Amino acid sequence: MFRVVIVEDEKPILELMKVIIGRNPHCTIVGTFSNPLEAVSSLPELRPDIAFLDVEMPRMNGLELAMKLNERQGHTKIVFTTAYKEYALEAFQVYAFDYILKPVTPASIERITNRLLKLMRPADQTEQMEQQILHASIRCFGGFEVKNPDGVLVHWPTRKTEELFAFFLCHPRQNVSKWHLADILWPDMLEDRASHNLHNTIYRLKKLMKEQEIGMDIVKTNEGYMLDTQDVRYDLLEFQSCEAVQADGKQDVAQADRLFAMYRGTLLERKDFLWKSKLEEGYAKQYTALVRGLVGRDVAAQEWGKAEQKLDMYLSIVPLNEEMNQLLMDMYASSGRRERIVKHYASFEELYRRELGIEPPKEMSAKAAAYVETGN
């Protein structure tokens, strides 16, 4: 996991970068700055592995900031973000690792992290890493996306084939009755016809998985079918394997940070599968509990920047969660930044009214006002 700092003076671009970089599974944002002078004083404490620096900023441009960073943090990889390609040559004169032409995209961030991972890879692990690359890439949180080992997006022959695979991914290594599957996919169809459709859809799915080298298999059982995930790992499977550990409150920090980075939105977002609602709610609660624990750890250590970054990421996904909005304002109060409470609550209040058509809870507004007036 790479520790990342972003320095960008334009707030809308900074917010967008926070979301895009924060969703990369290899990145943990430890600091964001719109003022380069504040960044200079904070970078030694944050110890970033990667610093994304805007080239054109007032008071101190990105090139000047990079030179200061090189003096103090020699290990930090500098990545410039710019709208002008002609800056590239000058950028490399101050030892930039790379540069990105705006607008920043998930693909450009992935290119940076892949390049850095390759440079950091020990020579004796090269063959092992190459074998890992041969696995498919599957994302279930924040949408549903399946890519083959070449990184090509898998296209489904039918909508039911996609839905069937999504259901299996949500219930890996579980023996699922064929009648249960038929009832889920074709609830209003006669039994014989539904069974026939299921047989054909299973055939299409197995054929597709083999052609696309997904690395999994659908196994026939006495009662129905089971998804054998073999060596393939994906975000939802990681969450499932860590559920018991999270419930006991004994999850290690690295594992918690990894899960936090994997959650990019609700389960199978934008897919109208009727059976997913209960699962979706459960994983949303698990993610909330995870973030609550991580923020509590950061607040206890008075690592305010880390706590704010995690809450910002959470609220970019679930912007109207009252508990987390209140937790962010509590954190601002504890760190002595009461002016941020006013700004944050005003944004929350406006969004709450616009989306829900009602006023925010009176307890929240009263507490925000009390913080501003008394500092308590």
Protein backbone atom coordinates (compact mmCIF):
# COMPACT_ATOMS: atom_id res chain seq x y z
CA MET A 1 0.00 0.00 0.00
CA PHE A 2 1.45 3.35 -1.05
CA ARG A 3 1.10 6.39 1.20
CA VAL A 4 -0.13 9.23 -1.02
CA VAL A 5 -0.20 13.01 -0.69
CA ILE A 6 -2.09 15.29 -3.10
CA VAL A 7 -1.30 18.98 -3.55
CA GLU A 8 -3.77 20.78 -5.83
CA ASP A 9 -4.94 24.38 -5.41
CA GLU A 10 -8.24 23.96 -7.30
CA LYS A 11 -10.73 22.46 -4.83
CA PRO A 12 -13.00 20.68 -7.38
CA ILE A 13 -9.98 18.96 -8.95
CA LEU A 14 -8.62 18.09 -5.50
CA GLU A 15 -11.93 16.49 -4.49
CA LEU A 16 -12.05 14.50 -7.73
CA MET A 17 -8.47 13.28 -7.25
CA LYS A 18 -9.26 12.22 -3.69
CA VAL A 19 -12.02 9.98 -4.97
CA ILE A 20 -10.10 8.56 -7.96
CA ILE A 21 -6.83 7.91 -6.11
CA GLY A 22 -8.63 6.74 -2.98
CA ARG A 23 -10.36 4.02 -4.95
CA ASN A 24 -7.09 2.57 -6.23
CA PRO A 25 -6.43 -0.57 -4.15
CA HIS A 26 -2.71 0.24 -3.87
CA CYS A 27 -3.13 3.78 -2.49
CA THR A 28 -3.89 5.20 0.92
CA ILE A 29 -4.25 8.98 0.97
CA VAL A 30 -2.50 10.36 4.07
CA GLY A 31 -2.77 14.06 3.25
CA THR A 32 -4.40 16.52 0.85
CA PHE A 33 -3.50 20.19 0.49
CA SER A 34 -4.75 23.13 -1.52
CA ASN A 35 -1.96 25.31 -0.10
CA PRO A 36 1.57 24.20 -1.12
CA LEU A 37 3.13 26.03 1.84
CA GLU A 38 1.08 23.91 4.24
CA ALA A 39 2.18 20.82 2.34
CA VAL A 40 5.88 21.66 2.79
CA SER A 41 5.57 21.76 6.58
CA SER A 42 3.47 18.59 6.79
CA LEU A 43 5.28 16.27 4.36
CA PRO A 44 8.09 15.15 6.74
CA GLU A 45 5.50 13.88 9.22
CA LEU A 46 3.32 12.21 6.58
CA ARG A 47 6.23 10.36 4.89
CA PRO A 48 4.44 9.83 1.55
CA ASP A 49 5.56 7.22 -0.97
CA ILE A 50 3.93 9.18 -3.80
CA ALA A 51 3.25 12.92 -4.02
CA PHE A 52 0.86 14.14 -6.73
CA LEU A 53 1.75 17.80 -7.30
CA ASP A 54 -0.08 20.33 -9.41
CA VAL A 55 2.44 22.21 -11.56
CA GLU A 56 0.70 25.59 -11.58
CA MET A 57 -0.10 26.92 -8.09
CA PRO A 58 0.12 30.34 -6.46
CA ARG A 59 2.76 31.17 -3.82
CA MET A 60 4.82 28.10 -4.73
CA ASN A 61 4.46 26.14 -7.95
CA GLY A 62 4.75 22.40 -8.19
CA LEU A 63 8.31 22.45 -9.51
CA GLU A 64 9.52 24.50 -6.54
CA LEU A 65 7.63 22.25 -4.16
CA ALA A 66 9.21 19.18 -5.79
CA MET A 67 12.70 20.55 -5.25
CA LYS A 68 11.97 21.13 -1.55
CA LEU A 69 10.47 17.67 -1.31
CA ASN A 70 13.56 16.12 -2.87
CA GLU A 71 15.69 17.82 -0.23
CA ARG A 72 13.63 16.49 2.67
CA GLN A 73 11.99 13.28 1.44
CA GLY A 74 14.34 11.62 -1.01
CA HIS A 75 12.35 8.38 -1.18
CA THR A 76 9.08 10.06 -2.23
CA LYS A 77 8.11 9.54 -5.87
CA ILE A 78 6.92 12.79 -7.43
CA VAL A 79 4.10 12.72 -9.97
CA PHE A 80 3.16 16.03 -11.57
CA THR A 81 -0.38 16.77 -12.71
CA THR A 82 -0.64 19.37 -15.43
CA ALA A 83 -2.81 20.51 -18.30
CA TYR A 84 0.26 21.35 -20.40
CA LYS A 85 2.43 18.67 -21.92
CA GLU A 86 5.35 21.08 -22.39
CA TYR A 87 5.99 20.96 -18.64
CA ALA A 88 7.09 17.32 -18.89
CA LEU A 89 10.76 17.96 -19.69
CA GLU A 90 11.15 20.53 -16.93
CA ALA A 91 9.37 18.15 -14.56
CA PHE A 92 11.92 15.41 -15.06
CA GLN A 93 14.73 17.87 -14.36
CA VAL A 94 13.57 17.89 -10.73
CA TYR A 95 13.56 14.10 -10.60
CA ALA A 96 9.88 13.50 -11.20
CA PHE A 97 8.86 9.87 -11.25
CA ASP A 98 6.14 10.56 -13.82
CA TYR A 99 3.51 13.08 -14.86
CA ILE A 100 -0.19 12.97 -15.67
CA LEU A 101 -2.04 15.20 -18.09
CA LYS A 102 -5.30 16.46 -16.62
CA PRO A 103 -7.98 15.37 -16.19
CA VAL A 104 -6.73 12.63 -13.87
CA THR A 105 -8.38 9.27 -14.59
CA PRO A 106 -8.41 5.87 -12.82
CA ALA A 107 -6.36 4.46 -15.72
CA SER A 108 -3.59 7.04 -15.25
CA ILE A 109 -3.39 6.30 -11.51
CA GLU A 110 -3.30 2.57 -12.23
CA ARG A 111 -0.43 3.15 -14.67
CA ILE A 112 1.55 4.98 -11.98
CA THR A 113 0.98 2.33 -9.31
CA ASN A 114 1.73 -0.55 -11.68
CA ARG A 115 4.99 1.09 -12.70
CA LEU A 116 5.97 1.63 -9.08
CA LEU A 117 5.01 -1.91 -8.11
CA LYS A 118 7.18 -3.26 -10.90
CA LEU A 119 10.18 -1.21 -9.75
CA MET A 120 9.74 -2.35 -6.15
CA ARG A 121 9.30 -6.00 -7.02
CA PRO A 122 12.19 -8.19 -5.81
CA ALA A 123 13.87 -10.08 -8.63
CA ASP A 124 13.15 -13.50 -7.12
CA GLN A 125 9.41 -12.72 -7.05
CA THR A 126 9.14 -11.82 -10.74
CA GLU A 127 7.88 -15.21 -11.87
CA GLN A 128 5.39 -15.40 -9.00
CA MET A 129 4.00 -11.94 -9.76
CA GLU A 130 3.68 -12.75 -13.44
CA GLN A 131 1.58 -15.76 -12.52
CA GLN A 132 -0.65 -13.58 -10.35
CA ILE A 133 -1.27 -11.24 -13.27
CA LEU A 134 -2.82 -14.18 -15.14
CA HIS A 135 -5.87 -14.05 -12.86
CA ALA A 136 -9.06 -12.29 -13.81
CA SER A 137 -9.99 -9.00 -12.13
CA ILE A 138 -13.41 -8.87 -10.48
CA ARG A 139 -15.04 -5.93 -8.72
CA CYS A 140 -18.36 -6.24 -6.88
CA PHE A 141 -18.36 -3.06 -4.76
CA GLY A 142 -19.26 0.18 -6.52
CA GLY A 143 -20.59 -1.65 -9.57
CA PHE A 144 -20.02 -5.02 -11.18
CA GLU A 145 -17.01 -5.42 -13.42
CA VAL A 146 -15.20 -8.53 -14.64
CA LYS A 147 -12.00 -8.34 -16.69
CA ASN A 148 -10.08 -11.24 -18.18
CA PRO A 149 -6.33 -11.71 -17.49
CA ASP A 150 -5.53 -9.36 -20.39
CA GLY A 151 -7.53 -6.58 -18.73
CA VAL A 152 -10.35 -6.76 -21.28
CA LEU A 153 -13.86 -6.17 -19.95
CA VAL A 154 -16.04 -9.29 -20.15
CA HIS A 155 -19.30 -8.84 -22.08
CA TRP A 156 -22.19 -11.07 -21.11
CA PRO A 157 -24.16 -13.05 -23.71
CA THR A 158 -27.39 -12.48 -21.73
CA ARG A 159 -28.43 -10.45 -18.72
CA LYS A 160 -29.31 -13.66 -16.85
CA THR A 161 -25.77 -14.98 -17.40
CA GLU A 162 -24.39 -11.86 -15.74
CA GLU A 163 -26.86 -12.09 -12.87
CA LEU A 164 -26.14 -15.77 -12.30
CA PHE A 165 -22.39 -15.15 -12.07
CA ALA A 166 -22.98 -12.20 -9.70
CA PHE A 167 -25.11 -14.46 -7.46
CA PHE A 168 -22.41 -17.13 -7.39
CA LEU A 169 -19.77 -14.51 -6.52
CA CYS A 170 -21.93 -13.44 -3.57
CA HIS A 171 -22.22 -17.08 -2.43
CA PRO A 172 -18.82 -18.63 -3.26
CA ARG A 173 -18.15 -22.28 -2.43
CA GLN A 174 -21.76 -22.75 -1.33
CA ASN A 175 -23.95 -25.55 -2.60
CA VAL A 176 -26.96 -23.76 -4.10
CA SER A 177 -30.07 -25.71 -5.07
CA LYS A 178 -30.95 -25.53 -8.75
CA TRP A 179 -34.55 -24.81 -7.79
CA HIS A 180 -33.43 -21.89 -5.66
CA LEU A 181 -31.42 -20.51 -8.58
CA ALA A 182 -34.34 -20.98 -10.96
CA ASP A 183 -36.70 -19.20 -8.55
CA ILE A 184 -34.30 -16.27 -8.18
CA LEU A 185 -33.74 -15.78 -11.91
CA TRP A 186 -37.22 -16.67 -13.21
CA PRO A 187 -39.62 -16.30 -10.27
CA ASP A 188 -42.79 -16.15 -12.39
CA MET A 189 -41.93 -18.94 -14.82
CA LEU A 190 -43.24 -22.51 -14.80
CA GLU A 191 -40.89 -24.96 -13.09
CA ASP A 192 -39.93 -27.03 -16.15
CA ARG A 193 -39.26 -23.97 -18.29
CA ALA A 194 -37.24 -22.29 -15.53
CA SER A 195 -35.15 -25.44 -15.07
CA HIS A 196 -34.46 -25.56 -18.81
CA ASN A 197 -33.41 -21.90 -18.83
CA LEU A 198 -31.11 -22.46 -15.86
CA HIS A 199 -29.40 -25.38 -17.61
CA ASN A 200 -28.76 -23.26 -20.69
CA THR A 201 -27.54 -20.29 -18.65
CA ILE A 202 -25.13 -22.47 -16.66
CA TYR A 203 -23.76 -23.78 -19.96
CA ARG A 204 -23.28 -20.25 -21.32
CA LEU A 205 -21.57 -19.14 -18.11
CA LYS A 206 -19.16 -22.10 -17.97
CA LYS A 207 -18.31 -21.60 -21.64
CA LEU A 208 -17.68 -17.88 -21.11
CA MET A 209 -15.54 -18.47 -18.02
CA LYS A 210 -13.37 -20.91 -19.95
CA GLU A 211 -13.03 -18.68 -23.01
CA GLN A 212 -12.19 -15.61 -20.92
CA GLU A 213 -9.84 -17.57 -18.62
CA ILE A 214 -11.64 -16.36 -15.49
CA GLY A 215 -9.88 -19.02 -13.39
CA MET A 216 -13.04 -20.29 -11.65
CA ASP A 217 -15.44 -23.13 -12.31
CA ILE A 218 -19.12 -23.96 -11.74
CA VAL A 219 -19.27 -27.42 -10.15
CA LYS A 220 -22.36 -29.66 -10.39
CA THR A 221 -23.49 -31.05 -7.02
CA ASN A 222 -26.23 -33.45 -5.98
CA GLU A 223 -28.57 -30.58 -5.13
CA GLY A 224 -27.51 -27.97 -7.66
CA TYR A 225 -24.32 -26.01 -8.34
CA MET A 226 -21.37 -24.43 -6.54
CA LEU A 227 -18.82 -21.78 -7.56
CA ASP A 228 -15.24 -22.97 -7.07
CA THR A 229 -13.20 -19.75 -6.86
CA GLN A 230 -9.91 -21.68 -6.94
CA ASP A 231 -7.03 -19.17 -6.54
CA VAL A 232 -8.91 -16.09 -7.71
CA ARG A 233 -9.42 -13.34 -5.11
CA TYR A 234 -11.84 -10.43 -5.40
CA ASP A 235 -13.14 -7.64 -3.17
CA LEU A 236 -16.30 -9.33 -1.93
CA LEU A 237 -14.47 -12.57 -1.14
CA GLU A 238 -11.95 -10.59 0.94
CA PHE A 239 -14.77 -8.98 2.92
CA GLN A 240 -16.39 -12.36 3.52
CA SER A 241 -13.16 -13.95 4.73
CA CYS A 242 -12.63 -11.10 7.19
CA GLU A 243 -16.16 -10.90 8.62
CA ALA A 244 -15.42 -13.08 11.65
CA VAL A 245 -12.21 -11.24 12.45
CA GLN A 246 -13.95 -7.86 12.25
CA ALA A 247 -16.75 -9.08 14.51
CA ASP A 248 -14.19 -9.99 17.17
CA GLY A 249 -12.55 -6.58 16.86
CA LYS A 250 -9.14 -8.20 16.36
CA GLN A 251 -8.43 -7.28 12.79
CA ASP A 252 -4.89 -6.12 12.10
CA VAL A 253 -4.24 -2.64 10.79
CA ALA A 254 -2.89 -3.67 7.38
CA GLN A 255 -5.88 -5.89 6.72
CA ALA A 256 -8.31 -3.16 7.76
CA ASP A 257 -6.62 -0.61 5.51
CA ARG A 258 -6.76 -3.06 2.61
CA LEU A 259 -10.49 -3.66 3.05
CA PHE A 260 -11.10 0.08 3.33
CA ALA A 261 -9.41 0.62 -0.05
CA MET A 262 -11.41 -2.18 -1.68
CA TYR A 263 -14.85 -0.78 -0.88
CA ARG A 264 -15.71 1.59 -3.73
CA GLY A 265 -19.48 1.78 -3.33
CA THR A 266 -22.47 -0.40 -2.53
CA LEU A 267 -22.61 -4.06 -3.53
CA LEU A 268 -23.32 -4.52 -7.25
CA GLU A 269 -24.17 -0.85 -7.53
CA ARG A 270 -26.47 0.11 -10.43
CA LYS A 271 -27.55 -3.53 -10.87
CA ASP A 272 -31.26 -4.10 -10.19
CA PHE A 273 -30.95 -7.68 -8.94
CA LEU A 274 -33.85 -8.18 -6.52
CA TRP A 275 -32.00 -10.70 -4.33
CA LYS A 276 -29.07 -8.40 -3.48
CA SER A 277 -30.83 -5.86 -1.20
CA LYS A 278 -30.26 -7.69 2.10
CA LEU A 279 -26.65 -8.48 1.21
CA GLU A 280 -26.09 -4.88 0.11
CA GLU A 281 -27.35 -3.58 3.44
CA GLY A 282 -25.17 -6.02 5.38
CA TYR A 283 -21.94 -5.08 3.63
CA ALA A 284 -22.74 -1.37 3.92
CA LYS A 285 -23.02 -1.85 7.69
CA GLN A 286 -19.76 -3.81 7.72
CA TYR A 287 -18.02 -1.01 5.84
CA THR A 288 -19.41 1.59 8.23
CA ALA A 289 -18.16 -0.41 11.22
CA LEU A 290 -14.75 -0.77 9.55
CA VAL A 291 -14.42 2.98 8.93
CA ARG A 292 -15.67 3.76 12.45
CA GLY A 293 -12.89 1.60 13.88
CA LEU A 294 -10.18 3.03 11.61
CA VAL A 295 -11.18 6.62 12.37
CA GLY A 296 -11.30 5.84 16.08
CA ARG A 297 -7.74 4.55 15.86
CA ASP A 298 -6.56 7.68 14.04
CA VAL A 299 -8.36 10.04 16.43
CA ALA A 300 -6.89 8.27 19.46
CA ALA A 301 -3.43 8.83 17.96
CA GLN A 302 -4.39 12.43 17.07
CA GLU A 303 -3.63 11.69 13.42
CA TRP A 304 -6.27 14.15 12.26
CA GLY A 305 -5.30 14.13 8.58
CA LYS A 306 -5.70 10.37 8.32
CA ALA A 307 -9.04 10.45 10.10
CA GLU A 308 -10.31 13.23 7.84
CA GLN A 309 -9.19 11.41 4.70
CA LYS A 310 -11.04 8.24 5.69
CA LEU A 311 -14.21 10.14 6.55
CA ASP A 312 -14.01 12.14 3.32
CA MET A 313 -13.75 8.89 1.35
CA TYR A 314 -16.67 7.36 3.25
CA LEU A 315 -18.85 10.43 2.68
CA SER A 316 -18.00 10.49 -1.02
CA ILE A 317 -19.77 7.11 -1.15
CA VAL A 318 -22.49 7.64 1.49
CA PRO A 319 -22.82 11.44 1.70
CA LEU A 320 -25.94 11.58 3.88
CA ASN A 321 -24.88 9.18 6.64
CA GLU A 322 -25.68 11.20 9.77
CA GLU A 323 -23.36 9.29 12.09
CA MET A 324 -20.29 9.82 9.92
CA ASN A 325 -21.07 13.46 9.20
CA GLN A 326 -21.36 14.01 12.94
CA LEU A 327 -18.12 12.08 13.53
CA LEU A 328 -16.31 14.35 11.06
CA MET A 329 -17.55 17.47 12.88
CA ASP A 330 -16.56 15.91 16.23
CA MET A 331 -13.10 15.30 14.81
CA TYR A 332 -12.83 18.92 13.61
CA ALA A 333 -13.78 20.09 17.12
CA SER A 334 -11.26 17.78 18.80
CA SER A 335 -8.48 19.01 16.51
CA GLY A 336 -9.35 22.69 17.06
CA ARG A 337 -10.63 23.38 13.55
CA ARG A 338 -14.02 24.86 14.35
CA GLU A 339 -14.12 26.90 11.14
CA ARG A 340 -14.39 23.65 9.18
CA ILE A 341 -17.49 22.66 11.15
CA VAL A 342 -19.39 25.64 9.77
CA LYS A 343 -18.42 24.89 6.18
CA HIS A 344 -19.07 21.17 6.43
CA TYR A 345 -22.43 21.48 8.14
CA ALA A 346 -23.59 24.06 5.57
CA SER A 347 -22.75 21.64 2.73
CA PHE A 348 -24.40 18.73 4.54
CA GLU A 349 -27.53 20.78 5.28
CA GLU A 350 -27.88 21.86 1.65
CA LEU A 351 -27.45 18.30 0.34
CA TYR A 352 -29.86 16.91 2.96
CA ARG A 353 -32.56 19.36 1.96
CA ARG A 354 -32.02 18.82 -1.76
CA GLU A 355 -31.95 15.02 -1.66
CA LEU A 356 -34.47 14.29 1.08
CA GLY A 357 -36.63 17.41 1.02
CA ILE A 358 -36.48 17.83 4.81
CA GLU A 359 -34.34 19.58 7.40
CA PRO A 360 -31.41 17.71 9.01
CA PRO A 361 -31.99 16.29 12.51
CA LYS A 362 -32.27 19.03 15.12
CA GLU A 363 -29.68 17.30 17.30
CA MET A 364 -27.06 17.69 14.58
CA SER A 365 -27.77 21.35 13.91
CA ALA A 366 -27.79 22.11 17.63
CA LYS A 367 -24.51 20.33 18.22
CA ALA A 368 -22.85 22.02 15.25
CA ALA A 369 -23.99 25.42 16.52
CA ALA A 370 -22.75 24.62 20.04
CA TYR A 371 -19.33 23.64 18.71
CA VAL A 372 -19.00 26.93 16.85
CA GLU A 373 -20.23 29.08 19.73
CA THR A 374 -18.44 27.44 22.63
CA GLY A 375 -15.80 25.18 21.15
CA ASN A 376 -17.12 22.28 23.25
